[in-house]
């Protein structure tokens, strides 16, 4: 499993609502194409872009969804909003 944890802070909730972006925590070994494929398969959505940064031993990944898919819907299903 590539996705270890779903991130939820005030800033991330604002990103979900304004920029259609979700945030996840993964292991550093996984690359962007692998993460993109996992998100698309896991939630049945299309990903527009994947941005990431490393913090300590984890990678924080910001996944922007294509406009026809709503991050708010996924966040609601996951219990973030």
N, C-alpha and C. Protein backbone atom coordinates (compact mmCIF):
# COMPACT_ATOMS: atom_id res chain seq x y z
N UNK A 1 0.84 -1.18 0.00
CA UNK A 1 0.00 0.00 0.00
C UNK A 1 0.89 1.24 0.00
N UNK A 2 0.72 2.07 -0.98
CA UNK A 2 1.54 3.26 -1.12
C UNK A 2 1.12 4.35 -0.15
N UNK A 3 -0.19 4.58 -0.02
CA UNK A 3 -0.70 5.63 0.84
C UNK A 3 -0.69 5.13 2.28
N UNK A 4 0.03 5.86 3.16
CA UNK A 4 0.10 5.47 4.56
C UNK A 4 -0.90 6.22 5.42
N UNK A 5 -1.10 7.50 5.11
CA UNK A 5 -1.94 8.33 5.96
C UNK A 5 -2.52 9.46 5.13
N UNK A 6 -3.75 9.85 5.45
CA UNK A 6 -4.38 11.00 4.80
C UNK A 6 -4.16 12.20 5.70
N UNK A 7 -3.61 13.27 5.16
CA UNK A 7 -3.32 14.46 5.95
C UNK A 7 -4.55 15.35 6.03
N UNK A 8 -4.76 15.94 7.20
CA UNK A 8 -5.90 16.83 7.40
C UNK A 8 -5.53 17.93 8.38
N UNK A 9 -5.31 19.11 7.86
CA UNK A 9 -5.09 20.30 8.67
C UNK A 9 -6.01 21.39 8.13
N UNK A 10 -6.03 22.52 8.78
CA UNK A 10 -6.86 23.62 8.28
C UNK A 10 -6.42 24.06 6.89
N UNK A 11 -5.13 24.12 6.68
CA UNK A 11 -4.60 24.52 5.38
C UNK A 11 -4.98 23.51 4.30
N UNK A 12 -4.90 22.24 4.61
CA UNK A 12 -5.24 21.21 3.63
C UNK A 12 -6.73 21.22 3.33
N UNK A 13 -7.58 21.43 4.32
CA UNK A 13 -9.02 21.53 4.08
C UNK A 13 -9.31 22.71 3.16
N UNK A 14 -8.61 23.82 3.35
CA UNK A 14 -8.77 24.98 2.48
C UNK A 14 -8.32 24.63 1.05
N UNK A 15 -7.23 23.86 0.91
CA UNK A 15 -6.76 23.43 -0.41
C UNK A 15 -7.78 22.52 -1.09
N UNK A 16 -8.42 21.65 -0.31
CA UNK A 16 -9.43 20.76 -0.86
C UNK A 16 -10.56 21.58 -1.47
N UNK A 17 -10.99 22.60 -0.76
CA UNK A 17 -12.12 23.40 -1.20
C UNK A 17 -11.78 24.36 -2.34
N UNK A 18 -10.57 24.93 -2.33
CA UNK A 18 -10.24 25.95 -3.33
C UNK A 18 -9.50 25.42 -4.55
N UNK A 19 -8.54 24.53 -4.36
CA UNK A 19 -7.72 24.09 -5.49
C UNK A 19 -7.94 22.64 -5.90
N UNK A 20 -8.96 21.96 -5.29
CA UNK A 20 -9.28 20.58 -5.66
C UNK A 20 -8.09 19.64 -5.43
N UNK A 21 -7.41 19.81 -4.29
CA UNK A 21 -6.18 19.07 -3.99
C UNK A 21 -6.32 18.29 -2.70
N UNK A 22 -5.85 17.04 -2.72
CA UNK A 22 -5.81 16.19 -1.53
C UNK A 22 -4.35 16.01 -1.10
N UNK A 23 -4.13 15.71 0.18
CA UNK A 23 -2.78 15.51 0.70
C UNK A 23 -2.67 14.15 1.38
N UNK A 24 -1.57 13.46 1.09
CA UNK A 24 -1.33 12.14 1.65
C UNK A 24 0.11 12.04 2.15
N UNK A 25 0.34 11.09 3.04
CA UNK A 25 1.68 10.79 3.50
C UNK A 25 2.06 9.42 2.96
N UNK A 26 3.24 9.33 2.35
CA UNK A 26 3.71 8.07 1.79
C UNK A 26 5.14 7.83 2.24
N UNK A 27 5.66 6.69 1.87
CA UNK A 27 7.06 6.40 2.13
C UNK A 27 7.91 7.08 1.06
N UNK A 28 9.13 7.41 1.40
CA UNK A 28 9.99 8.15 0.47
C UNK A 28 10.36 7.37 -0.78
N UNK A 29 10.26 6.07 -0.75
CA UNK A 29 10.72 5.26 -1.88
C UNK A 29 9.80 5.33 -3.10
N UNK A 30 8.55 5.74 -2.92
CA UNK A 30 7.61 5.76 -4.03
C UNK A 30 7.75 7.03 -4.87
N UNK A 31 7.65 6.86 -6.18
CA UNK A 31 7.78 7.96 -7.13
C UNK A 31 6.40 8.49 -7.53
N UNK A 32 6.39 9.68 -8.12
CA UNK A 32 5.13 10.33 -8.49
C UNK A 32 4.25 9.49 -9.41
N UNK A 33 4.78 8.84 -10.46
CA UNK A 33 3.89 8.03 -11.32
C UNK A 33 3.22 6.88 -10.57
N UNK A 34 3.93 6.27 -9.63
CA UNK A 34 3.35 5.19 -8.83
C UNK A 34 2.23 5.72 -7.94
N UNK A 35 2.46 6.88 -7.35
CA UNK A 35 1.46 7.49 -6.47
C UNK A 35 0.23 7.89 -7.28
N UNK A 36 0.45 8.47 -8.45
CA UNK A 36 -0.65 8.88 -9.32
C UNK A 36 -1.52 7.67 -9.69
N UNK A 37 -0.88 6.58 -10.10
CA UNK A 37 -1.62 5.37 -10.48
C UNK A 37 -2.41 4.81 -9.30
N UNK A 38 -1.83 4.82 -8.12
CA UNK A 38 -2.51 4.31 -6.93
C UNK A 38 -3.74 5.14 -6.58
N UNK A 39 -3.62 6.46 -6.62
CA UNK A 39 -4.75 7.34 -6.31
C UNK A 39 -5.87 7.16 -7.32
N UNK A 40 -5.52 7.09 -8.61
CA UNK A 40 -6.52 6.92 -9.65
C UNK A 40 -7.27 5.59 -9.48
N UNK A 41 -6.54 4.54 -9.13
CA UNK A 41 -7.16 3.23 -8.94
C UNK A 41 -7.98 3.20 -7.65
N UNK A 42 -7.46 3.78 -6.59
CA UNK A 42 -8.09 3.71 -5.27
C UNK A 42 -9.42 4.47 -5.21
N UNK A 43 -9.47 5.66 -5.81
CA UNK A 43 -10.65 6.51 -5.71
C UNK A 43 -11.43 6.65 -7.02
N UNK A 44 -11.01 5.97 -8.09
CA UNK A 44 -11.67 6.04 -9.41
C UNK A 44 -11.78 7.49 -9.90
N UNK A 45 -10.65 8.20 -9.89
CA UNK A 45 -10.59 9.59 -10.35
C UNK A 45 -9.43 9.73 -11.33
N UNK A 46 -9.31 10.90 -11.94
CA UNK A 46 -8.17 11.23 -12.79
C UNK A 46 -7.37 12.32 -12.10
N UNK A 47 -6.06 12.15 -12.06
CA UNK A 47 -5.17 13.09 -11.38
C UNK A 47 -4.56 14.04 -12.40
N UNK A 48 -4.60 15.33 -12.09
CA UNK A 48 -4.01 16.34 -12.97
C UNK A 48 -2.52 16.48 -12.70
N UNK A 49 -2.14 16.59 -11.42
CA UNK A 49 -0.72 16.73 -11.08
C UNK A 49 -0.44 16.19 -9.70
N UNK A 50 0.84 15.86 -9.47
CA UNK A 50 1.30 15.38 -8.17
C UNK A 50 2.52 16.20 -7.78
N UNK A 51 2.45 16.84 -6.62
CA UNK A 51 3.58 17.57 -6.06
C UNK A 51 3.95 16.92 -4.74
N UNK A 52 5.24 16.94 -4.42
CA UNK A 52 5.66 16.29 -3.18
C UNK A 52 6.82 17.02 -2.54
N UNK A 53 6.97 16.78 -1.26
CA UNK A 53 8.17 17.22 -0.55
C UNK A 53 8.45 16.24 0.57
N UNK A 54 9.73 16.11 0.89
CA UNK A 54 10.15 15.17 1.91
C UNK A 54 10.30 15.86 3.25
N UNK A 55 9.79 15.20 4.26
CA UNK A 55 9.92 15.70 5.62
C UNK A 55 10.31 14.51 6.49
N UNK A 56 11.50 14.60 7.10
CA UNK A 56 12.06 13.52 7.91
C UNK A 56 12.11 12.25 7.07
N UNK A 57 11.42 11.20 7.47
CA UNK A 57 11.50 9.95 6.73
C UNK A 57 10.24 9.70 5.89
N UNK A 58 9.41 10.70 5.74
CA UNK A 58 8.16 10.56 5.01
C UNK A 58 8.12 11.52 3.83
N UNK A 59 7.24 11.22 2.89
CA UNK A 59 7.00 12.10 1.75
C UNK A 59 5.57 12.58 1.83
N UNK A 60 5.38 13.89 1.80
CA UNK A 60 4.05 14.48 1.78
C UNK A 60 3.71 14.76 0.32
N UNK A 61 2.58 14.24 -0.12
CA UNK A 61 2.19 14.32 -1.53
C UNK A 61 0.89 15.11 -1.65
N UNK A 62 0.89 16.09 -2.54
CA UNK A 62 -0.29 16.89 -2.84
C UNK A 62 -0.79 16.48 -4.22
N UNK A 63 -2.00 15.94 -4.28
CA UNK A 63 -2.56 15.40 -5.51
C UNK A 63 -3.70 16.30 -5.96
N UNK A 64 -3.51 16.94 -7.11
CA UNK A 64 -4.56 17.81 -7.67
C UNK A 64 -5.37 16.98 -8.66
N UNK A 65 -6.67 16.98 -8.46
CA UNK A 65 -7.57 16.21 -9.32
C UNK A 65 -8.01 17.04 -10.52
N UNK A 66 -8.39 16.35 -11.59
CA UNK A 66 -8.93 17.03 -12.77
C UNK A 66 -10.26 17.68 -12.39
N UNK A 67 -10.63 18.76 -13.09
CA UNK A 67 -11.83 19.53 -12.70
C UNK A 67 -13.13 18.73 -12.65
N UNK A 68 -13.24 17.69 -13.45
CA UNK A 68 -14.50 16.92 -13.44
C UNK A 68 -14.67 16.05 -12.20
N UNK A 69 -13.62 15.91 -11.39
CA UNK A 69 -13.68 15.16 -10.14
C UNK A 69 -13.49 16.12 -8.97
N UNK A 70 -14.31 15.98 -7.94
CA UNK A 70 -14.29 16.89 -6.81
C UNK A 70 -13.56 16.28 -5.62
N UNK A 71 -12.54 16.97 -5.13
CA UNK A 71 -11.80 16.52 -3.95
C UNK A 71 -12.69 16.57 -2.71
N UNK A 72 -13.66 17.48 -2.69
CA UNK A 72 -14.57 17.59 -1.55
C UNK A 72 -15.36 16.30 -1.38
N UNK A 73 -15.78 15.68 -2.48
CA UNK A 73 -16.54 14.43 -2.40
C UNK A 73 -15.69 13.32 -1.78
N UNK A 74 -14.44 13.22 -2.20
CA UNK A 74 -13.56 12.19 -1.66
C UNK A 74 -13.26 12.46 -0.19
N UNK A 75 -13.01 13.72 0.13
CA UNK A 75 -12.73 14.09 1.52
C UNK A 75 -13.92 13.78 2.41
N UNK A 76 -15.12 13.98 1.91
CA UNK A 76 -16.33 13.68 2.68
C UNK A 76 -16.45 12.18 2.92
N UNK A 77 -16.17 11.38 1.90
CA UNK A 77 -16.21 9.92 2.05
C UNK A 77 -15.18 9.43 3.07
N UNK A 78 -14.02 10.12 3.10
CA UNK A 78 -12.96 9.72 4.03
C UNK A 78 -13.15 10.31 5.43
N UNK A 79 -14.13 11.18 5.58
CA UNK A 79 -14.41 11.76 6.88
C UNK A 79 -13.55 12.94 7.26
N UNK A 80 -12.96 13.61 6.28
CA UNK A 80 -12.13 14.78 6.56
C UNK A 80 -12.94 16.05 6.72
N UNK A 81 -14.06 16.11 6.04
CA UNK A 81 -14.90 17.32 6.08
C UNK A 81 -16.26 16.94 6.64
